[in-house]
Protein backbone atom coordinates (compact mmCIF):
# COMPACT_ATOMS: atom_id res chain seq x y z
CA MET A 1 5.70 -17.57 0.33
CA LEU A 2 4.60 -13.95 -0.16
CA ALA A 3 4.49 -13.89 -3.96
CA PHE A 4 1.10 -13.37 -5.57
CA GLU A 5 -0.56 -16.70 -6.26
CA GLY A 6 -3.69 -16.10 -8.27
CA GLY A 7 -6.40 -18.63 -8.82
CA ALA A 8 -10.13 -19.15 -8.44
CA ASP A 9 -12.25 -20.56 -5.65
CA GLU A 10 -14.86 -23.30 -6.08
CA HIS A 11 -17.34 -20.70 -7.37
CA GLY A 12 -14.96 -19.33 -9.97
CA ARG A 13 -14.24 -16.11 -8.01
CA PRO A 14 -10.67 -14.80 -8.13
CA VAL A 15 -8.46 -15.44 -5.12
CA ASP A 16 -4.86 -14.81 -4.11
CA ALA A 17 -3.69 -17.73 -2.00
CA THR A 18 -0.92 -15.73 -0.30
CA TRP A 19 -2.66 -12.45 0.50
CA THR A 20 -3.20 -13.21 4.20
CA ASP A 21 0.49 -13.96 4.80
CA ARG A 22 1.48 -10.84 2.87
CA GLN A 23 -1.08 -8.77 4.81
CA GLN A 24 0.38 -9.96 8.13
CA VAL A 25 3.90 -9.04 7.03
CA LEU A 26 2.74 -5.61 5.84
CA GLU A 27 0.92 -4.98 9.12
CA ASP A 28 4.00 -5.99 11.10
CA LEU A 29 6.22 -3.72 8.99
CA ILE A 30 3.93 -0.69 9.24
CA ARG A 31 3.94 -1.00 13.04
CA ARG A 32 7.74 -0.76 13.16
CA PRO A 33 9.28 2.71 13.11
CA GLY A 34 11.47 3.71 10.25
CA PRO A 35 11.80 2.61 6.67
CA VAL A 36 12.11 -1.05 5.69
CA ASP A 37 14.39 -2.52 3.04
CA ILE A 38 13.45 -0.81 -0.23
CA ASP A 39 13.76 -3.93 -2.38
CA PHE A 40 11.47 -5.87 -0.04
CA ALA A 41 8.98 -2.98 0.03
CA ARG A 42 8.98 -2.87 -3.78
CA PHE A 43 8.48 -6.64 -3.97
CA LEU A 44 5.49 -6.41 -1.63
CA LEU A 45 3.97 -3.53 -3.62
CA VAL A 46 4.33 -5.44 -6.90
CA GLN A 47 2.64 -8.49 -5.33
CA GLU A 48 -0.22 -6.39 -3.96
CA THR A 49 -0.63 -4.70 -7.33
CA HIS A 50 -0.86 -8.08 -9.07
CA SER A 51 -3.35 -9.25 -6.47
CA HIS A 52 -5.57 -6.20 -6.89
CA GLY A 53 -5.51 -6.63 -10.64
CA HIS A 54 -6.63 -10.22 -10.28
CA SER A 55 -9.37 -9.80 -7.70
CA TRP A 56 -12.22 -7.49 -6.85
CA GLY A 57 -12.41 -4.85 -4.16
CA PHE A 58 -9.77 -3.20 -2.03
CA ARG A 59 -7.56 -4.49 0.75
CA HIS A 60 -5.45 -2.04 2.71
CA GLY A 61 -2.31 -4.08 2.07
CA ILE A 62 -1.72 -2.26 -1.19
CA GLU A 63 -1.70 1.11 0.56
CA LEU A 64 0.56 -0.23 3.32
CA ALA A 65 3.02 -1.45 0.67
CA ALA A 66 2.79 1.88 -1.19
CA ILE A 67 3.57 3.77 2.02
CA LEU A 68 6.61 1.56 2.67
CA VAL A 69 7.90 2.30 -0.85
CA ALA A 70 7.01 6.01 -0.73
CA GLU A 71 8.96 6.52 2.50
CA HIS A 72 12.19 5.98 0.56
CA ARG A 73 11.45 8.95 -1.71
CA GLN A 74 13.02 7.31 -4.78
CA VAL A 75 11.93 9.00 -7.99
CA GLN A 76 12.04 5.80 -10.05
CA ASP A 77 9.33 4.33 -7.80
CA VAL A 78 6.75 6.68 -9.29
CA TRP A 79 5.98 3.96 -11.85
CA LEU A 80 5.33 1.30 -9.19
CA LEU A 81 3.19 3.74 -7.24
CA TRP A 82 1.31 4.81 -10.37
CA GLU A 83 0.58 1.18 -11.25
CA ALA A 84 -0.70 0.54 -7.72
CA VAL A 85 -2.90 3.65 -7.58
CA TYR A 86 -4.35 3.04 -11.05
CA ARG A 87 -4.55 -0.77 -10.86
CA SER A 88 -8.32 -0.85 -10.49
CA PHE A 89 -11.31 1.37 -9.97
CA ASP A 90 -11.11 0.57 -6.26
CA THR A 91 -7.42 1.41 -5.84
CA TRP A 92 -7.89 4.58 -7.89
CA GLY A 93 -10.80 5.68 -5.71
CA ILE A 94 -9.27 4.84 -2.33
CA MET A 95 -5.51 5.30 -2.45
CA PRO A 96 -4.05 8.79 -2.03
CA HIS A 97 -2.80 9.94 -5.43
CA GLN A 98 -0.35 12.32 -3.75
CA LEU A 99 1.86 9.27 -3.10
CA LEU A 100 2.97 9.71 -6.72
CA TYR A 101 4.94 12.74 -5.53
CA SER A 102 6.78 10.90 -2.77
CA ALA A 103 10.18 11.80 -4.30
CA GLY A 104 9.23 15.48 -4.47
CA VAL A 105 6.90 17.41 -6.73
CA GLU A 106 9.39 19.00 -9.12
CA ARG A 107 11.74 16.03 -9.11
CA THR A 108 8.88 13.68 -10.02
CA ARG A 109 7.61 15.98 -12.77
CA ARG A 110 11.10 16.24 -14.30
CA HIS A 111 11.59 12.48 -14.10
CA ALA A 112 8.25 11.79 -15.79
CA THR A 113 8.81 14.44 -18.47
CA ASP A 114 12.27 13.07 -19.31
CA SER A 115 11.10 9.46 -19.30
CA ASP A 116 10.47 7.23 -22.27
CA HIS A 117 8.15 5.02 -20.22
CA PRO A 118 5.13 3.85 -22.27
CA HIS A 119 2.75 5.42 -19.72
CA ARG A 120 4.58 8.73 -19.48
CA ASP A 121 1.78 10.83 -20.97
CA LEU A 122 -0.83 9.23 -18.71
CA LEU A 123 1.32 9.86 -15.65
CA LEU A 124 1.97 13.46 -16.65
CA GLU A 125 -1.77 14.01 -17.11
CA ASP A 126 -2.41 12.57 -13.64
CA LEU A 127 0.32 14.73 -12.12
CA ARG A 128 -1.22 17.85 -13.69
CA LYS A 129 -4.44 17.08 -11.81
CA LEU A 130 -2.41 17.29 -8.59
CA SER A 131 -0.96 20.70 -9.42
CA ASP A 132 -1.55 22.25 -5.99
CA VAL A 133 0.31 19.57 -3.99
CA THR A 134 3.49 20.57 -2.13
CA ASP A 135 6.44 18.48 -0.95
CA GLU A 136 5.50 19.24 2.65
CA GLN A 137 1.96 17.98 2.13
CA VAL A 138 3.23 14.74 0.62
CA GLU A 139 5.68 14.16 3.48
CA GLN A 140 2.91 14.85 5.97
CA LEU A 141 0.52 12.51 4.16
CA ILE A 142 3.00 9.61 4.19
CA ALA A 143 3.75 10.08 7.89
CA GLU A 144 0.07 10.49 8.79
CA ARG A 145 -1.01 7.40 6.83
CA ARG A 146 1.69 5.30 8.55
CA ARG A 147 0.61 6.58 11.98
CA TYR A 148 -3.05 5.99 11.13
CA TYR A 149 -2.49 2.37 10.16
CA ALA A 150 -0.16 1.67 13.10
CA ALA A 151 -2.73 3.12 15.53
CA ALA A 152 -5.63 1.27 13.90
CA LEU A 153 -3.76 -2.03 14.10
CA GLU A 154 -2.83 -1.38 17.73
CA ALA A 155 -6.48 -0.65 18.54
CA LEU A 156 -7.50 -3.93 16.88
CA ASP A 157 -4.88 -5.76 18.94
CA ASP A 158 -6.13 -4.11 22.14
CA SER A 159 -9.72 -4.95 21.28
CA ALA A 160 -8.85 -8.59 20.60
CA ALA A 161 -6.88 -8.81 23.86
CA ALA A 162 -9.81 -7.37 25.84
CA LYS A 163 -12.30 -9.91 24.49
CA PRO A 164 -12.88 -12.84 26.80
CA ASN A 165 -11.91 -16.20 25.41
CA PRO A 166 -15.07 -18.33 25.39
CA ALA A 167 -12.93 -21.41 26.09
CA GLU A 168 -11.74 -19.94 29.42
CA ASP A 169 -13.59 -19.29 32.66
CA ALA A 170 -13.57 -15.96 34.53
CA ALA A 171 -10.22 -16.79 36.12
CA GLY A 172 -8.64 -17.43 32.70
CA ARG A 173 -8.55 -21.23 33.12
CA PRO A 174 -9.52 -23.50 30.20
């Protein structure tokens, strides 16, 4: 139900039939305190990465999924995060590249250097561009981005709740 389902609309524009369901799940998860199941977070990030590679523009779901993965601080996730950040011009320009260091600056550099991953040299080049990032800054970024999204979603909920329903009268009756 949440897996990427790419296609085209009647005008030939790319669409992902499941993005709204996935977005709702991501929004619900980002509102909850604490980390979510790592395998589920990875699955959601992979689906969002596929979706962003298929379509145009940027939806915040990919950053929400990246935050949920980054919170686990697993060094092997640098490849998933790198693919998400560099998936498109839009993701590259909007997503925080510091998420690549979610497992720690030195630990991530060692992992990338020792890797035989086909994109190792590209990742190492990208990491060099982030040479002044510290572990504390990365931890702060992840926490701040989660708080930002949770607060923004809460504000949207409050705004929607405050709007009068045009189908109801002033007393709230249909």
